[in-house]
Structure formats: C-alpha cells, structure tokens
Amino acid sequence: MQQVCRQPLARHMKGIGIIVGNYTVAVIDFETTGLSPGYGDRTIEVGVVLVDNNRVVDRFQSLMNPSMRVSAFIEEFTGITNLMLAAAPPVRDVMNSLALFIGRHPLVAHNASFDSRFLDAEYGRIPLTRENVFACSMLAARRLYPDAPDHRLETLVRYKGLKTDGVHHRALADAEMTAHLWIRMIDDIRSTFGLREVPFTLMQQLARVPRKRVPEFLLNRKSL
C-alpha cells in the first residue's frame, strides 16, 4: 500500500475562492472493480492532485481493500492485483483519509459522472455526505478542443503535448494527467479569449454550453 498525504490538514480545509489563482481544486480519479456501484462494484484505488493557483501543490494516493476479488480483466487493465489489494487498508479507512485531504475543495474528474457516483457510494457506506461540487474535464475539453481525435484522457494528453509518465489506468497517474489538462484548459481560455479570471463556476457552465456557442459564451464573459 502506498499513501501520500504531505501537507497539514489546515491547508486543505481553508475556504474556497472563486477565481483563478484564489482557489484550490482537487483533481480526483478512482480505479474500481467495475463500471457502476449500482451493480455492487467498489473502489480499489484513489488518486488526488491538488491544484492551487493553477499549479500542482500536493498529492494523495492509496490502494484500498474492497473485501471482494477483482476480475482478471481488472487486474490486467489496471495492473492492480488481488494480492496487492489484500495488503491494502479497508475502503472505509481510505475514504475517511480522503475526506480529510480534499476538505470542501471543488472536485475535478475526467468523466466526473463516473467518479462522483463511486465517491458518493463509498461515502454512503461510512456514512459521509459529499459537499464538494464537481466539474468534468472531459465535457469541458469537448467544448474547447472540438478538433481533437477523441476526448479520452490519454488522447488529450497527446493532443496538447502534456506531461505524462506513460502510465495509464492507475489513479494517481490519471489524476496527474487530468490536473495538467485542467491547467492547460484554463491557460488556453485566458490566452485565447482574454479572460483574466476563470472561476470554477465558469468551467462548470462551459460543460453545458452547446459546442457552437462556446466562443460566444467565453467572449461574453470577457465583457462582464
């Protein structure tokens, strides 16, 4: 089991700002036993990257024991074996540590509907209630980069020439790539559309704007 959580708790529990440079987001990724907690699937690994002032400032990662065996497909897909999970801490313990690490920070995930479902399901077992709001980097990227071959995380990393260690389908590695994508999207919005501030709420709204209206939407934000 590997777990990384370096900065003091007070650092993560501070209030949330609303503009770029004044707020922290927690970029999160889960590896799981399957596609849906509704079918009894559980989390087996979590990775979180904190981005503050558009820079990576901290990380958290842990395997977790779901009290069930994972399939050979998941072992092959993630590289996470049943032997590794047998030695990992229980899901409950990791989720409590995760909750302390992310505090009330806004959350970012690539395909946020997937990660939010698993987070809520595991919190519900403790029980905890999520107060954090989510933004989806995949939906935002579809609006900002319509010419990308597709909008899978690894494709966007190559398309934008982002930093990667070449590892995929491990939670911290995917959270790192998503964090670099998030940073690049904010930088591209600022440079292309002349926005000085890129609030978290703007990134949430962007995900719901029809693709053809994205330039108009962002240019109108400049005049506000």
Protein backbone atom coordinates (compact mmCIF):
# COMPACT_ATOMS: atom_id res chain seq x y z
CA MET A 1 0.00 0.00 0.00
CA GLN A 2 1.23 3.44 -0.90
CA GLN A 3 -0.33 6.54 0.56
CA VAL A 4 0.85 10.10 0.07
CA CYS A 5 -0.61 12.98 2.09
CA ARG A 6 2.01 15.55 2.90
CA GLN A 7 0.65 18.97 3.77
CA PRO A 8 -1.03 19.86 7.11
CA LEU A 9 -4.77 19.30 7.36
CA ALA A 10 -5.47 23.01 7.91
CA ARG A 11 -4.01 23.67 4.46
CA HIS A 12 -6.82 21.63 2.87
CA MET A 13 -9.72 22.83 4.98
CA LYS A 14 -9.38 26.54 4.17
CA GLY A 15 -12.18 28.40 2.41
CA ILE A 16 -12.78 28.20 -1.31
CA GLY A 17 -12.02 31.16 -3.57
CA ILE A 18 -13.81 31.77 -6.84
CA ILE A 19 -11.25 32.95 -9.42
CA VAL A 20 -8.13 31.52 -10.94
CA GLY A 21 -5.23 31.98 -8.54
CA ASN A 22 -7.52 32.20 -5.50
CA TYR A 23 -8.97 28.70 -5.25
CA THR A 24 -7.82 25.13 -4.98
CA VAL A 25 -9.31 22.23 -6.87
CA ALA A 26 -8.86 18.57 -6.01
CA VAL A 27 -8.44 16.53 -9.18
CA ILE A 28 -9.61 13.01 -8.38
CA ASP A 29 -9.55 9.61 -10.06
CA PHE A 30 -10.74 6.19 -8.93
CA GLU A 31 -9.87 2.71 -10.10
CA THR A 32 -12.73 0.32 -9.44
CA THR A 33 -13.83 -3.29 -9.66
CA GLY A 34 -16.29 -2.45 -12.46
CA LEU A 35 -18.45 0.20 -14.06
CA SER A 36 -21.13 1.01 -11.52
CA PRO A 37 -21.65 0.94 -7.75
CA GLY A 38 -25.26 0.16 -8.60
CA TYR A 39 -24.08 -3.32 -9.60
CA GLY A 40 -22.10 -3.78 -6.40
CA ASP A 41 -18.77 -2.51 -7.76
CA ARG A 42 -16.30 -0.95 -5.32
CA THR A 43 -13.32 1.37 -5.42
CA ILE A 44 -9.84 -0.17 -5.29
CA GLU A 45 -7.58 2.88 -5.66
CA VAL A 46 -7.88 6.65 -5.39
CA GLY A 47 -5.52 9.36 -6.54
CA VAL A 48 -5.91 13.08 -5.90
CA VAL A 49 -3.84 16.02 -7.13
CA LEU A 50 -4.37 19.43 -5.55
CA VAL A 51 -4.06 22.36 -7.96
CA ASP A 52 -3.70 25.80 -6.39
CA ASN A 53 -3.09 28.98 -8.39
CA ASN A 54 -3.02 26.70 -11.46
CA ARG A 55 -0.07 24.76 -10.07
CA VAL A 56 0.17 21.25 -8.62
CA VAL A 57 0.86 21.60 -4.89
CA ASP A 58 0.06 18.24 -3.27
CA ARG A 59 -0.97 14.63 -3.91
CA PHE A 60 -2.76 11.76 -2.21
CA GLN A 61 -2.86 8.12 -3.30
CA SER A 62 -3.88 4.84 -1.78
CA LEU A 63 -4.94 1.36 -2.76
CA MET A 64 -7.89 0.01 -0.75
CA ASN A 65 -9.22 -3.41 0.07
CA PRO A 66 -12.80 -3.76 -1.26
CA SER A 67 -13.41 -7.07 0.56
CA MET A 68 -14.04 -8.78 -2.77
CA ARG A 69 -11.88 -10.23 -5.50
CA VAL A 70 -11.31 -8.29 -8.69
CA SER A 71 -11.59 -9.95 -12.07
CA ALA A 72 -8.67 -10.99 -14.24
CA PHE A 73 -9.74 -8.24 -16.65
CA ILE A 74 -9.39 -5.54 -13.98
CA GLU A 75 -6.04 -6.95 -12.89
CA GLU A 76 -4.82 -6.76 -16.49
CA PHE A 77 -6.42 -3.37 -17.17
CA THR A 78 -5.06 -1.60 -14.10
CA GLY A 79 -2.10 -3.69 -13.02
CA ILE A 80 -3.69 -3.86 -9.56
CA THR A 81 -3.73 -7.45 -8.36
CA ASN A 82 -5.77 -9.23 -5.71
CA LEU A 83 -2.55 -9.79 -3.79
CA MET A 84 -1.90 -6.03 -3.71
CA LEU A 85 -5.43 -5.33 -2.52
CA ALA A 86 -5.24 -7.96 0.22
CA ALA A 87 -2.43 -5.94 1.81
CA ALA A 88 -4.22 -2.58 1.39
CA PRO A 89 -6.21 -0.75 4.08
CA PRO A 90 -10.01 -1.11 4.13
CA VAL A 91 -12.04 1.17 1.89
CA ARG A 92 -13.60 2.83 4.96
CA ASP A 93 -10.22 3.92 6.32
CA VAL A 94 -9.05 5.32 2.98
CA MET A 95 -12.31 7.19 2.44
CA ASN A 96 -12.02 8.86 5.82
CA SER A 97 -8.47 9.94 4.99
CA LEU A 98 -9.60 11.11 1.56
CA ALA A 99 -12.38 13.22 3.08
CA LEU A 100 -9.86 14.98 5.32
CA PHE A 101 -7.48 15.55 2.41
CA ILE A 102 -9.98 17.10 0.00
CA GLY A 103 -11.88 19.08 2.61
CA ARG A 104 -14.51 21.24 0.92
CA HIS A 105 -12.47 21.90 -2.21
CA PRO A 106 -14.21 21.71 -5.59
CA LEU A 107 -13.51 18.44 -7.40
CA VAL A 108 -12.43 17.83 -10.98
CA ALA A 109 -12.55 14.47 -12.75
CA HIS A 110 -12.32 13.23 -16.31
CA ASN A 111 -15.81 11.79 -16.78
CA ALA A 112 -16.99 13.21 -13.47
CA SER A 113 -20.27 11.30 -13.51
CA PHE A 114 -18.30 8.06 -13.04
CA ASP A 115 -16.07 9.26 -10.20
CA SER A 116 -18.85 11.15 -8.41
CA ARG A 117 -21.05 8.03 -8.36
CA PHE A 118 -18.31 5.95 -6.76
CA LEU A 119 -17.33 8.68 -4.31
CA ASP A 120 -20.94 9.12 -3.20
CA ALA A 121 -21.47 5.37 -2.92
CA GLU A 122 -18.38 4.84 -0.76
CA TYR A 123 -19.15 7.90 1.37
CA GLY A 124 -22.63 6.50 1.90
CA ARG A 125 -21.17 3.34 3.44
CA ILE A 126 -19.27 5.28 6.15
CA PRO A 127 -21.58 7.30 6.22
CA LEU A 128 -20.49 10.72 4.93
CA THR A 129 -22.26 13.21 2.68
CA ARG A 130 -20.34 14.91 -0.10
CA GLU A 131 -20.48 18.70 0.00
CA ASN A 132 -17.91 19.19 -2.78
CA VAL A 133 -19.09 20.27 -6.23
CA PHE A 134 -17.73 18.61 -9.37
CA ALA A 135 -16.54 19.86 -12.74
CA CYS A 136 -15.91 17.49 -15.64
CA SER A 137 -12.68 17.98 -17.58
CA MET A 138 -13.92 15.68 -20.37
CA LEU A 139 -17.04 17.77 -21.05
CA ALA A 140 -15.03 20.99 -20.88
CA ALA A 141 -12.42 19.58 -23.28
CA ARG A 142 -15.11 18.63 -25.79
CA ARG A 143 -16.06 22.32 -25.96
CA LEU A 144 -12.54 23.72 -26.00
CA TYR A 145 -10.88 21.16 -28.29
CA PRO A 146 -13.50 20.06 -30.82
CA ASP A 147 -10.78 19.08 -33.32
CA ALA A 148 -9.15 16.52 -31.02
CA PRO A 149 -9.34 12.94 -32.42
CA ASP A 150 -11.42 12.00 -29.37
CA HIS A 151 -11.69 13.17 -25.79
CA ARG A 152 -10.27 10.26 -23.87
CA LEU A 153 -7.71 11.42 -21.33
CA GLU A 154 -4.71 9.78 -22.98
CA THR A 155 -5.70 11.21 -26.37
CA LEU A 156 -5.99 14.74 -25.00
CA VAL A 157 -2.63 14.40 -23.25
CA ARG A 158 -1.01 13.59 -26.59
CA TYR A 159 -3.07 16.20 -28.47
CA LYS A 160 -1.94 19.00 -26.14
CA GLY A 161 1.57 17.68 -25.56
CA LEU A 162 1.07 17.44 -21.81
CA LYS A 163 3.37 15.98 -19.20
CA THR A 164 2.93 12.25 -18.57
CA ASP A 165 4.98 9.38 -17.23
CA GLY A 166 3.32 6.98 -19.68
CA VAL A 167 1.30 5.15 -17.02
CA HIS A 168 -2.44 4.81 -17.62
CA HIS A 169 -5.33 3.38 -15.58
CA ARG A 170 -3.66 3.95 -12.22
CA ALA A 171 -5.43 6.50 -10.09
CA LEU A 172 -2.63 8.94 -9.27
CA ALA A 173 -1.17 8.86 -12.79
CA ASP A 174 -4.60 9.60 -14.31
CA ALA A 175 -5.27 12.33 -11.73
CA GLU A 176 -1.90 13.91 -12.61
CA MET A 177 -2.75 13.92 -16.32
CA THR A 178 -6.19 15.34 -15.63
CA ALA A 179 -4.63 18.06 -13.47
CA HIS A 180 -2.27 19.07 -16.27
CA LEU A 181 -5.20 19.07 -18.71
CA TRP A 182 -7.23 21.29 -16.33
CA ILE A 183 -4.31 23.72 -16.02
CA ARG A 184 -3.88 23.83 -19.80
CA MET A 185 -7.60 24.44 -20.40
CA ILE A 186 -7.60 27.41 -18.03
CA ASP A 187 -4.43 28.79 -19.63
CA ASP A 188 -5.94 28.36 -23.11
CA ILE A 189 -9.14 30.13 -22.09
CA ARG A 190 -7.20 33.05 -20.67
CA SER A 191 -4.88 33.40 -23.66
CA THR A 192 -7.43 32.75 -26.43
CA PHE A 193 -10.37 34.70 -25.05
CA GLY A 194 -8.57 37.32 -22.99
CA LEU A 195 -10.13 36.37 -19.65
CA ARG A 196 -8.20 37.47 -16.61
CA GLU A 197 -10.29 35.34 -14.29
CA VAL A 198 -11.55 31.79 -14.85
CA PRO A 199 -13.92 30.93 -11.99
CA PHE A 200 -14.65 27.31 -11.18
CA THR A 201 -18.30 28.05 -11.92
CA LEU A 202 -17.35 29.09 -15.45
CA MET A 203 -15.75 25.68 -16.04
CA GLN A 204 -18.92 24.01 -14.79
CA GLN A 205 -21.07 26.17 -17.07
CA LEU A 206 -18.79 25.58 -20.04
CA ALA A 207 -19.53 21.86 -19.88
CA ARG A 208 -23.20 22.58 -20.60
CA VAL A 209 -22.76 25.12 -23.42
CA PRO A 210 -23.53 23.85 -26.96
CA ARG A 211 -20.22 23.49 -28.79
CA LYS A 212 -21.07 26.05 -31.48
CA ARG A 213 -21.78 28.66 -28.83
CA VAL A 214 -18.53 28.25 -26.88
CA PRO A 215 -16.66 31.22 -28.47
CA GLU A 216 -19.65 33.50 -27.89
CA PHE A 217 -20.06 32.26 -24.33
CA LEU A 218 -16.41 32.89 -23.43
CA LEU A 219 -16.15 36.23 -25.24
CA ASN A 220 -19.24 37.42 -23.40
CA ARG A 221 -17.54 36.52 -20.12
CA LYS A 222 -14.72 38.91 -21.01
CA SER A 223 -17.12 41.84 -21.08
CA LEU A 224 -18.59 41.09 -17.63
